[in-house]
Protein backbone atom coordinates (compact mmCIF):
# COMPACT_ATOMS: atom_id res chain seq x y z
CA MET A 1 -5.02 -61.30 1.27
CA ASP A 2 -6.49 -60.49 -2.20
CA PRO A 3 -4.57 -58.09 -4.17
CA SER A 4 -7.54 -55.92 -4.91
CA LYS A 5 -8.49 -55.65 -1.43
CA HIS A 6 -4.96 -54.92 -0.52
CA ALA A 7 -4.90 -52.17 -2.91
CA ALA A 8 -8.06 -50.93 -1.71
CA GLN A 9 -6.92 -50.95 2.21
CA PHE A 10 -3.83 -48.70 0.82
CA ILE A 11 -5.77 -46.27 -0.89
CA ARG A 12 -8.19 -45.65 2.29
CA ASP A 13 -4.84 -45.34 4.52
CA LEU A 14 -3.27 -43.28 2.01
CA THR A 15 -6.42 -41.27 1.90
CA HIS A 16 -6.82 -41.16 5.86
CA ASP A 17 -3.18 -40.04 6.37
CA LEU A 18 -3.87 -37.22 3.78
CA SER A 19 -6.86 -35.87 5.17
CA THR A 20 -5.15 -36.13 9.02
CA ASP A 21 -1.88 -34.22 7.73
CA LEU A 22 -3.98 -31.76 5.37
CA ALA A 23 -6.70 -30.68 7.81
CA PRO A 24 -4.47 -29.24 10.27
CA ARG A 25 -2.58 -27.14 7.71
CA ALA A 26 -5.77 -26.37 5.96
CA ALA A 27 -7.13 -24.88 9.24
CA GLU A 28 -4.13 -22.94 9.87
CA ALA A 29 -4.13 -21.42 5.89
CA SER A 30 -7.38 -20.31 6.55
CA LYS A 31 -6.75 -18.58 9.90
CA ARG A 32 -3.83 -16.96 8.22
CA SER A 33 -6.07 -15.67 5.74
CA ALA A 34 -8.49 -14.33 7.84
CA ARG A 35 -6.06 -12.47 9.97
CA THR A 36 -4.83 -11.24 6.67
CA ARG A 37 -7.90 -10.05 5.40
CA VAL A 38 -8.59 -8.68 9.04
CA HIS A 39 -5.42 -6.56 9.04
CA ARG A 40 -5.99 -5.34 5.19
CA LEU A 41 -9.52 -3.94 6.72
CA ARG A 42 -8.03 -2.05 9.48
CA SER A 43 -5.45 -0.69 7.67
CA ARG A 44 -7.64 0.53 5.11
CA VAL A 45 -10.53 2.09 7.36
CA TYR A 46 -9.05 5.66 7.48
CA PHE A 47 -8.59 5.50 3.66
CA ILE A 48 -12.29 4.23 3.57
CA LEU A 49 -13.74 7.14 5.28
CA GLN A 50 -11.49 9.56 3.66
CA CYS A 51 -12.88 8.43 0.16
CA SER A 52 -16.40 8.39 1.43
CA VAL A 53 -16.67 11.67 3.42
CA SER A 54 -14.69 13.13 0.72
CA ALA A 55 -17.30 12.02 -2.14
CA GLY A 56 -20.37 13.16 -0.26
CA VAL A 57 -18.71 16.98 0.69
CA SER A 58 -17.86 17.08 -3.00
CA TRP A 59 -21.49 16.12 -3.81
CA TRP A 60 -22.91 18.62 -1.56
CA VAL A 61 -20.49 21.63 -2.46
CA ALA A 62 -21.39 20.95 -6.37
CA GLN A 63 -25.24 20.87 -5.82
CA HIS A 64 -25.49 23.72 -3.13
CA LEU A 65 -23.01 25.97 -4.01
CA TRP A 66 -22.81 25.83 -7.66
CA ASN A 67 -26.36 24.80 -8.18
CA HIS A 68 -25.71 21.88 -10.03
CA LYS A 69 -28.63 19.04 -10.20
CA MET A 70 -26.64 15.70 -10.68
CA PRO A 71 -23.06 16.61 -9.89
CA TYR A 72 -22.20 12.75 -10.09
CA LEU A 73 -18.44 13.55 -11.41
CA ALA A 74 -17.39 15.65 -8.52
CA PRO A 75 -17.63 12.62 -5.88
CA VAL A 76 -16.13 10.47 -8.69
CA ALA A 77 -13.05 12.65 -9.12
CA ALA A 78 -12.56 13.09 -5.38
CA ILE A 79 -12.68 9.27 -4.84
CA VAL A 80 -10.06 8.80 -7.85
CA CYS A 81 -7.70 11.81 -6.96
CA LEU A 82 -7.60 9.89 -3.27
CA GLY A 83 -6.83 6.45 -4.81
CA LEU A 84 -3.33 6.70 -5.09
CA THR A 85 -0.53 7.87 -2.21
CA PHE A 86 -0.19 11.22 -0.73
CA GLY A 87 2.77 12.64 -2.84
CA GLN A 88 0.97 11.43 -6.52
CA ARG A 89 -2.35 13.33 -5.47
CA TRP A 90 -1.14 17.00 -6.74
CA ARG A 91 -0.20 15.01 -10.17
CA ARG A 92 -3.40 12.96 -10.46
CA VAL A 93 -5.42 16.10 -9.62
CA LEU A 94 -4.02 17.72 -12.72
CA GLU A 95 -4.36 14.77 -14.77
CA VAL A 96 -8.19 14.28 -14.00
CA THR A 97 -9.25 17.81 -14.39
CA VAL A 98 -7.14 17.72 -17.70
CA GLY A 99 -8.48 14.18 -18.88
CA VAL A 100 -12.08 15.26 -17.83
CA ALA A 101 -11.92 19.01 -19.65
CA THR A 102 -10.83 17.02 -22.92
CA GLY A 103 -13.19 14.65 -22.86
CA VAL A 104 -16.08 16.89 -22.14
CA PHE A 105 -14.80 19.28 -24.90
CA ILE A 106 -14.79 16.43 -27.23
CA GLY A 107 -18.02 14.61 -26.21
CA SER A 108 -20.00 17.91 -26.03
CA ALA A 109 -18.90 18.94 -29.39
CA PHE A 110 -19.93 15.69 -31.18
CA ALA A 111 -23.15 15.80 -28.86
CA HIS A 112 -24.27 19.04 -30.12
CA TYR A 113 -23.50 18.42 -33.89
CA PHE A 114 -23.92 14.73 -34.42
CA GLY A 115 -26.09 13.44 -31.77
CA SER A 116 -25.33 10.18 -29.99
CA GLY A 117 -24.90 6.67 -31.27
CA PRO A 118 -22.21 3.69 -31.56
CA TRP A 119 -20.37 5.35 -34.55
CA GLN A 120 -20.07 8.71 -32.01
CA ILE A 121 -18.88 6.60 -28.96
CA ILE A 122 -16.18 5.20 -31.20
CA VAL A 123 -15.05 8.60 -32.41
CA VAL A 124 -15.54 10.25 -29.09
CA ALA A 125 -13.52 7.56 -27.27
CA ALA A 126 -10.28 7.64 -30.22
CA ALA A 127 -10.34 11.37 -30.59
CA GLY A 128 -10.10 11.93 -26.53
CA MET A 129 -7.71 9.48 -26.10
CA VAL A 130 -5.62 11.11 -29.19
CA LEU A 131 -5.95 14.33 -28.06
CA ALA A 132 -4.60 13.35 -24.55
CA SER A 133 -1.99 11.92 -25.79
CA LEU A 134 -0.88 14.55 -28.10
CA LEU A 135 -1.04 16.76 -24.81
CA GLY A 136 1.57 14.73 -23.47
CA GLY A 137 -0.82 12.79 -21.00
CA GLY A 138 -0.33 9.32 -19.44
CA ALA A 139 -2.65 6.78 -19.27
CA LEU A 140 -4.86 8.15 -16.48
CA ILE A 141 -5.35 11.60 -18.49
CA SER A 142 -6.14 9.29 -21.66
CA THR A 143 -8.78 7.25 -20.04
CA GLN A 144 -10.48 10.10 -18.21
CA ALA A 145 -10.54 11.93 -21.62
CA ALA A 146 -12.55 8.87 -23.24
CA VAL A 147 -14.64 7.89 -20.36
CA GLN A 148 -16.00 11.45 -20.11
CA GLY A 149 -16.38 12.34 -23.68
CA THR A 150 -18.15 8.64 -23.77
CA ILE A 151 -20.54 9.91 -20.71
CA VAL A 152 -21.26 13.09 -22.21
CA VAL A 153 -22.28 11.63 -25.56
CA THR A 154 -24.43 8.71 -24.28
CA LEU A 155 -26.07 10.70 -21.25
CA VAL A 156 -25.94 14.10 -21.64
CA GLY A 157 -26.74 14.57 -25.26
CA HIS A 158 -26.19 18.10 -25.35
CA ALA A 159 -23.18 20.79 -25.25
CA GLU A 160 -24.95 23.33 -22.51
CA THR A 161 -23.72 20.86 -19.30
CA GLY A 162 -20.19 20.67 -20.46
CA PHE A 163 -18.55 23.18 -18.43
CA ASP A 164 -20.85 22.09 -15.47
CA ARG A 165 -19.37 18.81 -15.71
CA TRP A 166 -15.65 19.92 -15.85
CA LEU A 167 -16.31 22.41 -12.89
CA ASP A 168 -17.74 19.40 -10.88
CA ALA A 169 -14.69 17.33 -11.57
CA LEU A 170 -12.58 20.53 -10.22
CA VAL A 171 -14.52 20.38 -7.09
CA GLY A 172 -13.75 17.02 -6.12
CA ALA A 173 -10.19 17.48 -7.10
CA VAL A 174 -10.08 20.34 -4.88
CA ILE A 175 -11.79 18.69 -1.88
CA ALA A 176 -9.59 15.72 -2.37
CA LEU A 177 -6.51 17.79 -1.97
CA ILE A 178 -8.26 19.58 1.26
CA ALA A 179 -8.49 16.14 2.85
CA ALA A 180 -5.31 15.07 1.89
CA THR A 181 -3.57 18.16 3.36
CA ILE A 182 -5.29 17.73 6.62
CA THR A 183 -4.22 14.21 6.73
CA PRO A 184 -4.21 12.86 10.67
CA ALA A 185 -1.32 11.44 11.93
CA SER A 186 -2.42 7.98 11.18
CA PRO A 187 -0.22 7.68 7.91
CA ILE A 188 2.68 9.22 9.84
CA ASP A 189 2.46 6.84 12.28
CA ALA A 190 1.70 3.53 9.93
CA PRO A 191 5.61 3.08 9.31
CA ARG A 192 6.25 2.92 12.77
CA ASP A 193 3.64 0.53 13.37
CA ILE A 194 4.36 -2.03 10.51
CA ALA A 195 8.10 -1.74 11.83
CA ARG A 196 7.00 -2.68 15.00
CA ARG A 197 4.83 -5.71 13.47
CA ILE A 198 8.28 -6.56 11.17
CA ALA A 199 10.26 -6.79 14.26
CA ARG A 200 7.62 -8.94 16.46
CA SER A 201 7.07 -11.41 13.74
CA MET A 202 10.90 -11.96 13.06
CA ALA A 203 11.30 -12.47 16.94
CA ASP A 204 8.67 -14.89 16.83
CA VAL A 205 10.22 -16.96 13.82
CA LEU A 206 13.53 -16.98 15.45
CA ARG A 207 12.30 -18.63 18.75
CA ALA A 208 10.12 -20.92 16.48
CA ALA A 209 13.04 -21.81 14.72
CA VAL A 210 15.15 -22.79 17.73
CA VAL A 211 12.58 -24.49 19.28
CA ALA A 212 11.98 -26.61 15.79
CA HIS A 213 15.72 -27.34 15.88
CA ARG A 214 15.62 -28.40 19.66
CA ASP A 215 12.59 -30.89 18.76
CA GLY A 216 13.81 -32.22 15.51
CA ASP A 217 10.71 -30.88 14.11
CA LEU A 218 11.17 -30.38 10.38
CA ASP A 219 7.63 -29.25 9.44
CA ALA A 220 7.68 -26.69 12.60
CA ALA A 221 10.88 -25.41 10.84
CA ALA A 222 9.43 -25.19 7.22
CA GLN A 223 6.42 -23.48 8.84
CA ALA A 224 9.05 -21.01 10.48
CA LEU A 225 10.68 -20.41 7.18
CA TYR A 226 7.16 -19.78 5.60
CA ALA A 227 6.29 -17.14 8.52
CA ALA A 228 9.89 -15.51 7.38
CA ARG A 229 8.92 -15.28 4.11
CA GLU A 230 5.61 -14.00 4.35
CA SER A 231 7.54 -10.60 5.75
CA GLU A 232 7.68 -9.57 2.08
CA ALA A 233 4.29 -8.15 2.08
CA ASP A 234 5.10 -6.43 5.21
CA LEU A 235 8.04 -4.80 3.68
CA ALA A 236 6.31 -3.74 0.80
CA SER A 237 3.69 -2.13 2.98
CA PHE A 238 6.51 -0.67 4.95
CA ALA A 239 8.33 0.97 2.12
CA THR A 240 4.83 2.48 0.68
CA ALA A 241 3.83 3.67 4.22
CA THR A 242 7.41 5.34 4.56
CA ASN A 243 6.99 7.24 1.28
CA GLU A 244 3.53 8.25 1.99
CA GLY A 245 4.83 9.41 5.41
CA MET A 246 7.49 11.49 3.69
CA ALA A 247 5.25 12.90 1.30
CA VAL A 248 2.49 14.14 4.10
CA VAL A 249 5.27 15.85 6.11
CA ARG A 250 6.53 17.78 3.17
CA HIS A 251 3.14 18.87 1.71
CA SER A 252 1.08 19.15 4.83
CA PRO A 253 1.82 22.16 6.78
CA LEU A 254 0.08 20.66 9.88
CA ARG A 255 2.08 17.75 9.83
CA ARG A 256 5.98 19.41 9.16
CA ARG A 257 6.41 19.12 12.95
CA ARG A 258 6.36 15.52 12.64
CA ARG A 259 9.12 15.62 9.87
CA GLY A 260 12.12 14.52 12.34
CA SER A 261 10.35 11.45 13.53
CA VAL A 262 9.39 10.44 10.04
CA GLU A 263 12.64 10.96 8.62
CA GLU A 264 14.01 9.08 11.43
CA ILE A 265 11.94 5.73 10.81
CA ALA A 266 12.66 6.17 6.70
CA ALA A 267 16.09 6.06 7.52
CA ILE A 268 16.16 2.57 9.04
CA ALA A 269 14.25 1.23 6.10
CA ALA A 270 17.17 -0.32 4.47
CA PRO A 271 18.80 -1.77 7.34
CA ILE A 272 15.17 -3.53 8.48
CA ASP A 273 15.08 -4.94 5.02
CA ARG A 274 18.51 -6.32 5.19
CA ALA A 275 17.92 -7.87 8.39
CA VAL A 276 14.70 -9.48 7.39
CA ARG A 277 16.32 -10.96 4.86
CA ASN A 278 19.61 -12.29 6.74
CA ILE A 279 16.79 -13.94 9.38
CA ARG A 280 15.36 -15.81 6.65
CA VAL A 281 18.94 -17.21 5.76
CA LEU A 282 19.61 -17.87 9.19
CA VAL A 283 15.89 -19.71 9.34
CA ARG A 284 16.41 -21.52 6.31
CA ARG A 285 19.80 -22.71 7.68
CA ILE A 286 18.43 -24.14 10.99
CA SER A 287 15.90 -26.23 8.69
CA THR A 288 18.91 -27.64 7.10
CA ALA A 289 20.59 -28.57 10.06
CA ILE A 290 17.50 -30.22 10.94
CA TRP A 291 17.61 -31.94 7.90
CA ARG A 292 20.94 -33.21 7.49
CA HIS A 293 20.82 -33.92 11.27
CA ASP A 294 23.62 -31.52 11.61
CA PRO A 295 24.12 -30.66 15.19
CA VAL A 296 23.93 -26.83 16.61
CA SER A 297 25.57 -26.00 20.22
CA ASP A 298 23.12 -25.09 22.60
CA GLU A 299 25.25 -21.69 23.13
CA VAL A 300 24.45 -20.76 19.48
CA LEU A 301 20.84 -21.54 19.88
CA ALA A 302 20.53 -19.57 22.66
CA THR A 303 22.09 -16.79 21.41
CA VAL A 304 19.36 -16.33 18.62
CA GLU A 305 16.54 -16.56 21.46
CA ASP A 306 18.54 -13.85 22.93
CA LEU A 307 18.68 -11.85 19.86
CA ALA A 308 14.86 -12.58 19.16
CA GLU A 309 14.42 -11.23 22.85
CA VAL A 310 16.38 -7.99 21.72
CA ILE A 311 14.05 -7.60 18.88
CA ASP A 312 11.16 -7.88 20.61
CA ARG A 313 12.16 -5.08 23.30
CA MET A 314 13.15 -2.89 20.41
CA ALA A 315 9.82 -3.11 18.69
CA GLU A 316 8.15 -2.15 21.99
CA LEU A 317 9.91 1.28 22.35
CA ASP A 318 7.77 4.57 22.13
CA GLU A 319 8.18 7.23 19.66
CA ASP A 320 10.13 9.31 22.21
CA GLU A 321 12.36 6.40 23.44
CA ARG A 322 15.73 6.20 21.27
CA LEU A 323 16.84 2.53 19.50
CA SER A 324 20.09 3.54 20.35
CA GLU A 325 19.65 2.39 24.19
CA TRP A 326 19.61 -0.87 22.99
CA ARG A 327 23.10 -0.24 20.84
CA ALA A 328 25.12 -1.91 23.77
CA ARG A 329 23.17 -4.66 24.09
CA LEU A 330 23.35 -5.50 20.72
CA ALA A 331 27.12 -5.08 20.85
CA GLU A 332 27.41 -7.52 23.68
CA LEU A 333 25.75 -10.26 21.43
CA GLY A 334 27.65 -9.64 18.73
CA ASP A 335 30.97 -9.78 20.97
CA ARG A 336 29.42 -13.11 22.43
CA THR A 337 29.41 -14.68 18.91
CA SER A 338 33.39 -14.25 18.91
CA ALA A 339 33.52 -17.16 21.37
CA LEU A 340 30.76 -19.52 20.07
CA HIS A 341 32.23 -22.59 18.99
CA MET A 342 31.63 -23.99 15.47
CA SER A 343 30.99 -27.55 16.13
CA SER A 344 29.19 -27.94 12.23
CA LEU A 345 29.00 -26.16 9.04
CA SER A 346 25.47 -25.31 10.52
CA SER A 347 27.01 -23.45 13.47
CA ALA A 348 29.47 -21.70 11.30
CA VAL A 349 26.97 -20.59 9.14
CA LEU A 350 24.30 -19.60 11.90
CA ILE A 351 27.12 -17.52 13.78
CA ALA A 352 27.92 -15.51 10.53
CA GLN A 353 24.29 -14.65 9.85
CA LEU A 354 23.97 -13.85 13.86
CA ARG A 355 26.76 -11.43 12.92
CA SER A 356 25.26 -9.86 9.92
CA ILE A 357 21.65 -9.29 11.38
CA ILE A 358 23.54 -7.40 14.39
CA VAL A 359 25.22 -5.42 12.32
CA ASP A 360 21.86 -4.33 10.66
CA LEU A 361 20.17 -3.83 13.72
CA LEU A 362 23.42 -1.59 15.18
CA GLU A 363 22.40 0.38 11.66
CA VAL A 364 18.78 0.35 13.13
CA THR A 365 20.10 2.19 16.14
CA GLY A 366 21.77 4.99 14.11
CA LEU A 367 25.10 3.71 13.38
CA THR A 368 26.74 3.98 9.93
CA TYR A 369 27.38 0.50 8.32
CA GLU A 370 31.01 1.25 8.83
CA GLN A 371 30.65 2.07 12.46
CA ALA A 372 28.37 -1.23 12.98
CA ARG A 373 30.78 -3.51 11.08
CA ASP A 374 34.25 -1.96 12.86
CA ARG A 375 32.21 -2.74 16.29
CA LEU A 376 32.20 -6.26 15.23
CA THR A 377 35.64 -6.72 13.89
CA ALA A 378 36.76 -8.51 17.14
CA TYR A 379 35.94 -11.98 16.09
CA GLU A 380 37.47 -11.33 12.06
CA ASP A 381 40.74 -10.37 13.85
CA GLU A 382 41.12 -13.38 15.86
């Protein structure tokens, strides 16, 4: 065959193989991205409603109760104050009001004596940030001082409305605090919902890894490992939601009765994080075993599947049910690992990881690390 034709055929074959291989992966990546975006939107629905309603109420209060014609700073302040987690909003309200007051004062003075223009904007922005820094303010106070001073100089043009603008900002901040104080149960329930999602995801990952090893499918094992690594975002969300829930029950008098359940879920944050990381190590070892053609006994793989089932069942518990009900089942799995045969290095590593995960999950049920560790000492003592 002509070398040029041979090269052309090689390129066509290579292109066909790549397109055949990449198309399913691209489709799967697109589906994952779409699911992530939809989940992100669902998780922010309440926040969006809270900000939009607070903005509208702030405008109405400033316009109808204080007779301000264009109180645009009221909804802006409300949205800014609601922008961070619950526990940070009190500090943010103070920073917004101080920053606005500083900026309005400087901007009004310059607008009254020097009018508006490019050099006035430069001076007002710089002076606002300098004064805010001297007052000990952080980045938010400095930014608000510069922004509000610049707006006064460019749009207001006179000092008479300066106090009205500061009052508008105060109205928005107060409305934001009221909205945060009467926060419904959804932010409190969020940590538990995220924990359930993490547990179900990890159970699916374990089952997928076992199937991949039985089929000798390295690509499937890689996908399982990728899914396990994606849990990092859920762990970050869980930590944020836990802190948010604790702040809600501490500051909102309407939610303090839920403090016990929130503290309970907060207490398992650390062992959940460790369990997820140990599951990643286990899945990575299964992938390595496939690559090395390292045998893993059916008993070990069956134990991994049984652990996935227990994790799934634990995720299904309602708030009134106790995780401690699954302590005996986890301990039984731990005892079973003592009799598993180490037919290879991979088997030994998987057994060790199984025991580590079981210890982590025993902590999730309410045991201390020492109690969970001592419950699984039989293996080490043999």
